[in-house]
């Protein structure tokens, strides 16, 4: 009887350890997904900011060009 009881306890412990490992793996996967999402969001935001800066600089160049044209034809 005693030997059988010990084996059942060992099996239960093994199952608990496996469940803990699975939980840890799931948590790691979630963390990786969150990091990827954050990185993608950051890249998207940087692209948008770059686009806005480029647009602003091209608008500024257009205004300067128009101003120069006006002064040229005065």
PDB file of N, CA and C in Angstrom:
ATOM      1  N   UNK A   1       0.831  -1.204   0.000  1.00  0.00           N
ATOM      2  CA  UNK A   1       0.000   0.000   0.000  1.00  0.00           C
ATOM      3  C   UNK A   1       0.867   1.255   0.000  1.00  0.00           C
ATOM      4  N   UNK A   2       1.883   1.227   0.843  1.00  0.00           N
ATOM      5  CA  UNK A   2       2.706   2.424   0.963  1.00  0.00           C
ATOM      6  C   UNK A   2       3.399   2.780  -0.346  1.00  0.00           C
ATOM      7  N   UNK A   3       3.877   1.762  -1.086  1.00  0.00           N
ATOM      8  CA  UNK A   3       4.567   2.015  -2.350  1.00  0.00           C
ATOM      9  C   UNK A   3       3.645   2.615  -3.399  1.00  0.00           C
ATOM     10  N   UNK A   4       2.424   2.148  -3.407  1.00  0.00           N
ATOM     11  CA  UNK A   4       1.471   2.647  -4.395  1.00  0.00           C
ATOM     12  C   UNK A   4       1.110   4.099  -4.108  1.00  0.00           C
ATOM     13  N   UNK A   5       0.929   4.414  -2.850  1.00  0.00           N
ATOM     14  CA  UNK A   5       0.585   5.778  -2.452  1.00  0.00           C
ATOM     15  C   UNK A   5       1.702   6.737  -2.867  1.00  0.00           C
ATOM     16  N   UNK A   6       2.940   6.307  -2.669  1.00  0.00           N
ATOM     17  CA  UNK A   6       4.086   7.134  -3.046  1.00  0.00           C
ATOM     18  C   UNK A   6       4.121   7.406  -4.544  1.00  0.00           C
ATOM     19  N   UNK A   7       3.790   6.404  -5.340  1.00  0.00           N
ATOM     20  CA  UNK A   7       3.798   6.554  -6.793  1.00  0.00           C
ATOM     21  C   UNK A   7       2.715   7.550  -7.229  1.00  0.00           C
ATOM     22  N   UNK A   8       1.540   7.472  -6.615  1.00  0.00           N
ATOM     23  CA  UNK A   8       0.458   8.400  -6.959  1.00  0.00           C
ATOM     24  C   UNK A   8       0.856   9.843  -6.635  1.00  0.00           C
ATOM     25  N   UNK A   9       1.503  10.021  -5.482  1.00  0.00           N
ATOM     26  CA  UNK A   9       1.958  11.368  -5.110  1.00  0.00           C
ATOM     27  C   UNK A   9       2.989  11.880  -6.101  1.00  0.00           C
ATOM     28  N   UNK A  10       3.901  11.006  -6.518  1.00  0.00           N
ATOM     29  CA  UNK A  10       4.916  11.390  -7.496  1.00  0.00           C
ATOM     30  C   UNK A  10       4.258  11.811  -8.805  1.00  0.00           C
ATOM     31  N   UNK A  11       3.269  11.050  -9.242  1.00  0.00           N
ATOM     32  CA  UNK A  11       2.572  11.383 -10.486  1.00  0.00           C
ATOM     33  C   UNK A  11       1.873  12.729 -10.375  1.00  0.00           C
ATOM     34  N   UNK A  12       1.257  12.976  -9.216  1.00  0.00           N
ATOM     35  CA  UNK A  12       0.584  14.257  -9.010  1.00  0.00           C
ATOM     36  C   UNK A  12       1.588  15.400  -9.053  1.00  0.00           C
ATOM     37  N   UNK A  13       2.735  15.199  -8.415  1.00  0.00           N
ATOM     38  CA  UNK A  13       3.769  16.230  -8.419  1.00  0.00           C
ATOM     39  C   UNK A  13       4.252  16.495  -9.840  1.00  0.00           C
ATOM     40  N   UNK A  14       4.444  15.433 -10.611  1.00  0.00           N
ATOM     41  CA  UNK A  14       4.889  15.589 -11.996  1.00  0.00           C
ATOM     42  C   UNK A  14       3.861  16.374 -12.804  1.00  0.00           C
ATOM     43  N   UNK A  15       2.583  16.054 -12.611  1.00  0.00           N
ATOM     44  CA  UNK A  15       1.524  16.769 -13.319  1.00  0.00           C
ATOM     45  C   UNK A  15       1.539  18.254 -12.956  1.00  0.00           C
ATOM     46  N   UNK A  16       1.705  18.538 -11.650  1.00  0.00           N
ATOM     47  CA  UNK A  16       1.745  19.931 -11.206  1.00  0.00           C
ATOM     48  C   UNK A  16       2.931  20.659 -11.835  1.00  0.00           C
ATOM     49  N   UNK A  17       4.078  19.997 -11.881  1.00  0.00           N
ATOM     50  CA  UNK A  17       5.266  20.608 -12.479  1.00  0.00           C
ATOM     51  C   UNK A  17       5.030  20.889 -13.958  1.00  0.00           C
ATOM     52  N   UNK A  18       4.410  19.937 -14.656  1.00  0.00           N
ATOM     53  CA  UNK A  18       4.121  20.135 -16.077  1.00  0.00           C
ATOM     54  C   UNK A  18       3.176  21.312 -16.278  1.00  0.00           C
ATOM     55  N   UNK A  19       2.152  21.407 -15.413  1.00  0.00           N
ATOM     56  CA  UNK A  19       1.206  22.514 -15.521  1.00  0.00           C
ATOM     57  C   UNK A  19       1.908  23.847 -15.280  1.00  0.00           C
ATOM     58  N   UNK A  20       2.803  23.886 -14.298  1.00  0.00           N
ATOM     59  CA  UNK A  20       3.546  25.112 -14.015  1.00  0.00           C
ATOM     60  C   UNK A  20       4.412  25.500 -15.209  1.00  0.00           C
ATOM     61  N   UNK A  21       5.059  24.515 -15.826  1.00  0.00           N
ATOM     62  CA  UNK A  21       5.897  24.780 -16.997  1.00  0.00           C
ATOM     63  C   UNK A  21       5.050  25.339 -18.132  1.00  0.00           C
ATOM     64  N   UNK A  22       3.875  24.743 -18.343  1.00  0.00           N
ATOM     65  CA  UNK A  22       2.983  25.224 -19.401  1.00  0.00           C
ATOM     66  C   UNK A  22       2.557  26.670 -19.134  1.00  0.00           C
ATOM     67  N   UNK A  23       2.227  26.959 -17.872  1.00  0.00           N
ATOM     68  CA  UNK A  23       1.830  28.319 -17.512  1.00  0.00           C
ATOM     69  C   UNK A  23       2.964  29.296 -17.773  1.00  0.00           C
ATOM     70  N   UNK A  24       4.177  28.909 -17.419  1.00  0.00           N
ATOM     71  CA  UNK A  24       5.334  29.775 -17.652  1.00  0.00           C
ATOM     72  C   UNK A  24       5.531  30.009 -19.146  1.00  0.00           C
ATOM     73  N   UNK A  25       5.384  28.958 -19.935  1.00  0.00           N
ATOM     74  CA  UNK A  25       5.536  29.096 -21.387  1.00  0.00           C
ATOM     75  C   UNK A  25       4.471  30.036 -21.945  1.00  0.00           C
ATOM     76  N   UNK A  26       3.238  29.903 -21.462  1.00  0.00           N
ATOM     77  CA  UNK A  26       2.165  30.771 -21.922  1.00  0.00           C
ATOM     78  C   UNK A  26       2.456  32.223 -21.554  1.00  0.00           C
ATOM     79  N   UNK A  27       2.945  32.441 -20.340  1.00  0.00           N
ATOM     80  CA  UNK A  27       3.280  33.799 -19.907  1.00  0.00           C
ATOM     81  C   UNK A  27       4.392  34.369 -20.773  1.00  0.00           C
ATOM     82  N   UNK A  28       5.391  33.569 -21.088  1.00  0.00           N
ATOM     83  CA  UNK A  28       6.489  34.029 -21.940  1.00  0.00           C
ATOM     84  C   UNK A  28       5.961  34.383 -23.326  1.00  0.00           C
ATOM     85  N   UNK A  29       5.077  33.548 -23.861  1.00  0.00           N
ATOM     86  CA  UNK A  29       4.503  33.826 -25.180  1.00  0.00           C
ATOM     87  C   UNK A  29       3.716  35.129 -25.153  1.00  0.00           C
ATOM     88  N   UNK A  30       2.939  35.338 -24.087  1.00  0.00           N
ATOM     89  CA  UNK A  30       2.167  36.571 -23.971  1.00  0.00           C
ATOM     90  C   UNK A  30       3.096  37.766 -23.893  1.00  0.00           C
ATOM     91  N   UNK A  31       4.170  37.661 -23.132  1.00  0.00           N
ATOM     92  CA  UNK A  31       5.126  38.759 -23.019  1.00  0.00           C
ATOM     93  C   UNK A  31       5.757  39.051 -24.374  1.00  0.00           C
ATOM     94  N   UNK A  32       6.120  37.999 -25.105  1.00  0.00           N
ATOM     95  CA  UNK A  32       6.715  38.193 -26.426  1.00  0.00           C
ATOM     96  C   UNK A  32       5.728  38.870 -27.364  1.00  0.00           C
ATOM     97  N   UNK A  33       4.460  38.440 -27.311  1.00  0.00           N
ATOM     98  CA  UNK A  33       3.450  39.054 -28.169  1.00  0.00           C
ATOM     99  C   UNK A  33       3.266  40.520 -27.809  1.00  0.00           C
ATOM    100  N   UNK A  34       3.242  40.828 -26.521  1.00  0.00           N
ATOM    101  CA  UNK A  34       3.099  42.213 -26.090  1.00  0.00           C
ATOM    102  C   UNK A  34       4.286  43.044 -26.555  1.00  0.00           C
ATOM    103  N   UNK A  35       5.481  42.489 -26.441  1.00  0.00           N
ATOM    104  CA  UNK A  35       6.674  43.211 -26.890  1.00  0.00           C
ATOM    105  C   UNK A  35       6.622  43.452 -28.392  1.00  0.00           C
ATOM    106  N   UNK A  36       6.183  42.441 -29.145  1.00  0.00           N
ATOM    107  CA  UNK A  36       6.071  42.610 -30.596  1.00  0.00           C
ATOM    108  C   UNK A  36       5.048  43.687 -30.927  1.00  0.00           C
ATOM    109  N   UNK A  37       3.908  43.661 -30.225  1.00  0.00           N
ATOM    110  CA  UNK A  37       2.885  44.668 -30.475  1.00  0.00           C
ATOM    111  C   UNK A  37       3.414  46.060 -30.160  1.00  0.00           C
ATOM    112  N   UNK A  38       4.106  46.193 -29.031  1.00  0.00           N
ATOM    113  CA  UNK A  38       4.659  47.490 -28.657  1.00  0.00           C
ATOM    114  C   UNK A  38       5.663  47.957 -29.695  1.00  0.00           C
ATOM    115  N   UNK A  39       6.492  47.041 -30.170  1.00  0.00           N
ATOM    116  CA  UNK A  39       7.496  47.389 -31.164  1.00  0.00           C
ATOM    117  C   UNK A  39       6.816  47.819 -32.469  1.00  0.00           C
ATOM    118  N   UNK A  40       5.786  47.087 -32.868  1.00  0.00           N
ATOM    119  CA  UNK A  40       5.061  47.448 -34.084  1.00  0.00           C
ATOM    120  C   UNK A  40       4.390  48.808 -33.940  1.00  0.00           C
ATOM    121  N   UNK A  41       3.780  49.055 -32.776  1.00  0.00           N
ATOM    122  CA  UNK A  41       3.143  50.344 -32.526  1.00  0.00           C
ATOM    123  C   UNK A  41       4.171  51.469 -32.590  1.00  0.00           C
ATOM    124  N   UNK A  42       5.322  51.235 -31.988  1.00  0.00           N
ATOM    125  CA  UNK A  42       6.374  52.247 -31.968  1.00  0.00           C
ATOM    126  C   UNK A  42       6.869  52.519 -33.390  1.00  0.00           C
ATOM    127  N   UNK A  43       7.075  51.467 -34.169  1.00  0.00           N
ATOM    128  CA  UNK A  43       7.525  51.631 -35.552  1.00  0.00           C
ATOM    129  C   UNK A  43       6.484  52.383 -36.359  1.00  0.00           C
ATOM    130  N   UNK A  44       5.219  52.040 -36.161  1.00  0.00           N
ATOM    131  CA  UNK A  44       4.127  52.708 -36.876  1.00  0.00           C
ATOM    132  C   UNK A  44       4.108  54.192 -36.524  1.00  0.00           C
ATOM    133  N   UNK A  45       4.257  54.480 -35.228  1.00  0.00           N
ATOM    134  CA  UNK A  45       4.246  55.869 -34.778  1.00  0.00           C
ATOM    135  C   UNK A  45       5.441  56.627 -35.366  1.00  0.00           C
ATOM    136  N   UNK A  46       6.610  55.996 -35.388  1.00  0.00           N
ATOM    137  CA  UNK A  46       7.794  56.639 -35.951  1.00  0.00           C
ATOM    138  C   UNK A  46       7.602  56.910 -37.433  1.00  0.00           C
ATOM    139  N   UNK A  47       6.991  55.957 -38.147  1.00  0.00           N
ATOM    140  CA  UNK A  47       6.727  56.160 -39.576  1.00  0.00           C
ATOM    141  C   UNK A  47       5.779  57.328 -39.783  1.00  0.00           C
ATOM    142  N   UNK A  48       4.726  57.404 -38.959  1.00  0.00           N
ATOM    143  CA  UNK A  48       3.763  58.498 -39.080  1.00  0.00           C
ATOM    144  C   UNK A  48       4.433  59.836 -38.795  1.00  0.00           C
ATOM    145  N   UNK A  49       5.267  59.873 -37.755  1.00  0.00           N
ATOM    146  CA  UNK A  49       5.965  61.114 -37.423  1.00  0.00           C
ATOM    147  C   UNK A  49       6.895  61.527 -38.557  1.00  0.00           C
ATOM    148  N   UNK A  50       7.597  60.564 -39.141  1.00  0.00           N
ATOM    149  CA  UNK A  50       8.501  60.856 -40.255  1.00  0.00           C
ATOM    150  C   UNK A  50       7.700  61.395 -41.433  1.00  0.00           C
ATOM    151  N   UNK A  51       6.574  60.758 -41.720  1.00  0.00           N
ATOM    152  CA  UNK A  51       5.715  61.202 -42.814  1.00  0.00           C
ATOM    153  C   UNK A  51       5.273  62.651 -42.582  1.00  0.00           C
ATOM    154  N   UNK A  52       4.842  62.951 -41.337  1.00  0.00           N
ATOM    155  CA  UNK A  52       4.395  64.309 -41.011  1.00  0.00           C
ATOM    156  C   UNK A  52       5.548  65.295 -41.168  1.00  0.00           C
ATOM    157  N   UNK A  53       6.736  64.930 -40.654  1.00  0.00           N
ATOM    158  CA  UNK A  53       7.899  65.817 -40.789  1.00  0.00           C
ATOM    159  C   UNK A  53       8.219  66.068 -42.256  1.00  0.00           C
ATOM    160  N   UNK A  54       8.199  64.998 -43.066  1.00  0.00           N
ATOM    161  CA  UNK A  54       8.478  65.143 -44.497  1.00  0.00           C
ATOM    162  C   UNK A  54       7.452  66.054 -45.156  1.00  0.00           C
ATOM    163  N   UNK A  55       6.179  65.856 -44.804  1.00  0.00           N
ATOM    164  CA  UNK A  55       5.119  66.699 -45.371  1.00  0.00           C
ATOM    165  C   UNK A  55       5.326  68.154 -44.979  1.00  0.00           C
ATOM    166  N   UNK A  56       5.638  68.383 -43.703  1.00  0.00           N
ATOM    167  CA  UNK A  56       5.844  69.752 -43.234  1.00  0.00           C
ATOM    168  C   UNK A  56       7.033  70.388 -43.936  1.00  0.00           C
ATOM    169  N   UNK A  57       8.121  69.642 -44.081  1.00  0.00           N
ATOM    170  CA  UNK A  57       9.300  70.220 -44.725  1.00  0.00           C
ATOM    171  C   UNK A  57       9.015  70.487 -46.204  1.00  0.00           C
ATOM    172  N   UNK A  58       8.248  69.614 -46.864  1.00  0.00           N
ATOM    173  CA  UNK A  58       7.938  69.865 -48.277  1.00  0.00           C
ATOM    174  C   UNK A  58       6.992  71.063 -48.401  1.00  0.00           C
ATOM    175  N   UNK A  59       6.054  71.212 -47.461  1.00  0.00           N
ATOM    176  CA  UNK A  59       5.168  72.394 -47.471  1.00  0.00           C
ATOM    177  C   UNK A  59       5.996  73.657 -47.271  1.00  0.00           C
ATOM    178  N   UNK A  60       6.948  73.596 -46.346  1.00  0.00           N
ATOM    179  CA  UNK A  60       7.801  74.750 -46.065  1.00  0.00           C
ATOM    180  C   UNK A  60       8.606  75.112 -47.322  1.00  0.00           C
ATOM    181  N   UNK A  61       9.120  74.082 -47.993  1.00  0.00           N
ATOM    182  CA  UNK A  61       9.875  74.320 -49.227  1.00  0.00           C
ATOM    183  C   UNK A  61       8.973  74.943 -50.288  1.00  0.00           C
ATOM    184  N   UNK A  62       7.733  74.456 -50.373  1.00  0.00           N
ATOM    185  CA  UNK A  62       6.793  75.023 -51.342  1.00  0.00           C
ATOM    186  C   UNK A  62       6.561  76.504 -51.055  1.00  0.00           C
ATOM    187  N   UNK A  63       6.352  76.843 -49.781  1.00  0.00           N
ATOM    188  CA  UNK A  63       6.125  78.243 -49.408  1.00  0.00           C
ATOM    189  C   UNK A  63       7.344  79.095 -49.733  1.00  0.00           C
ATOM    190  N   UNK A  64       8.525  78.573 -49.400  1.00  0.00           N
ATOM    191  CA  UNK A  64       9.752  79.314 -49.691  1.00  0.00           C
ATOM    192  C   UNK A  64       9.904  79.500 -51.200  1.00  0.00           C
ATOM    193  N   UNK A  65       9.602  78.444 -51.953  1.00  0.00           N
ATOM    194  CA  UNK A  65       9.691  78.532 -53.416  1.00  0.00           C
ATOM    195  C   UNK A  65       8.728  79.563 -53.959  1.00  0.00           C
ATOM    196  N   UNK A  66       7.495  79.579 -53.448  1.00  0.00           N
ATOM    197  CA  UNK A  66       6.495  80.547 -53.902  1.00  0.00           C
ATOM    198  C   UNK A  66       6.932  81.954 -53.532  1.00  0.00           C
ATOM    199  N   UNK A  67       7.485  82.104 -52.353  1.00  0.00           N
ATOM    200  CA  UNK A  67       7.962  83.413 -51.897  1.00  0.00           C
ATOM    201  C   UNK A  67       9.086  83.897 -52.810  1.00  0.00           C
ATOM    202  N   UNK A  68      10.010  83.032 -53.156  1.00  0.00           N
ATOM    203  CA  UNK A  68      11.127  83.396 -54.053  1.00  0.00           C
ATOM    204  C   UNK A  68      10.598  83.777 -55.433  1.00  0.00           C
ATOM    205  N   UNK A  69       9.608  83.005 -55.909  1.00  0.00           N
ATOM    206  CA  UNK A  69       9.040  83.321 -57.221  1.00  0.00           C
ATOM    207  C   UNK A  69       8.415  84.717 -57.209  1.00  0.00           C
ATOM    208  N   UNK A  70       7.665  85.012 -56.156  1.00  0.00           N
ATOM    209  CA  UNK A  70       7.041  86.331 -56.055  1.00  0.00           C
ATOM    210  C   UNK A  70       8.096  87.424 -56.073  1.00  0.00           C
ATOM    211  N   UNK A  71       9.165  87.225 -55.294  1.00  0.00           N
ATOM    212  CA  UNK A  71      10.218  88.236 -55.227  1.00  0.00           C
ATOM    213  C   UNK A  71      10.938  88.351 -56.553  1.00  0.00           C
ATOM    214  N   UNK A  72      11.060  87.248 -57.294  1.00  0.00           N
ATOM    215  CA  UNK A  72      11.742  87.280 -58.584  1.00  0.00           C
ATOM    216  C   UNK A  72      10.963  88.133 -59.584  1.00  0.00           C
ATOM    217  N   UNK A  73       9.637  88.064 -59.530  1.00  0.00           N
ATOM    218  CA  UNK A  73       8.814  88.764 -60.514  1.00  0.00           C
ATOM    219  C   UNK A  73       8.377  90.143 -60.054  1.00  0.00           C
ATOM    220  N   UNK A  74       8.895  90.647 -58.933  1.00  0.00           N
ATOM    221  CA  UNK A  74       8.536  91.989 -58.468  1.00  0.00           C
ATOM    222  C   UNK A  74       9.128  93.050 -59.359  1.00  0.00           C
TER     223      UNK A  74
END
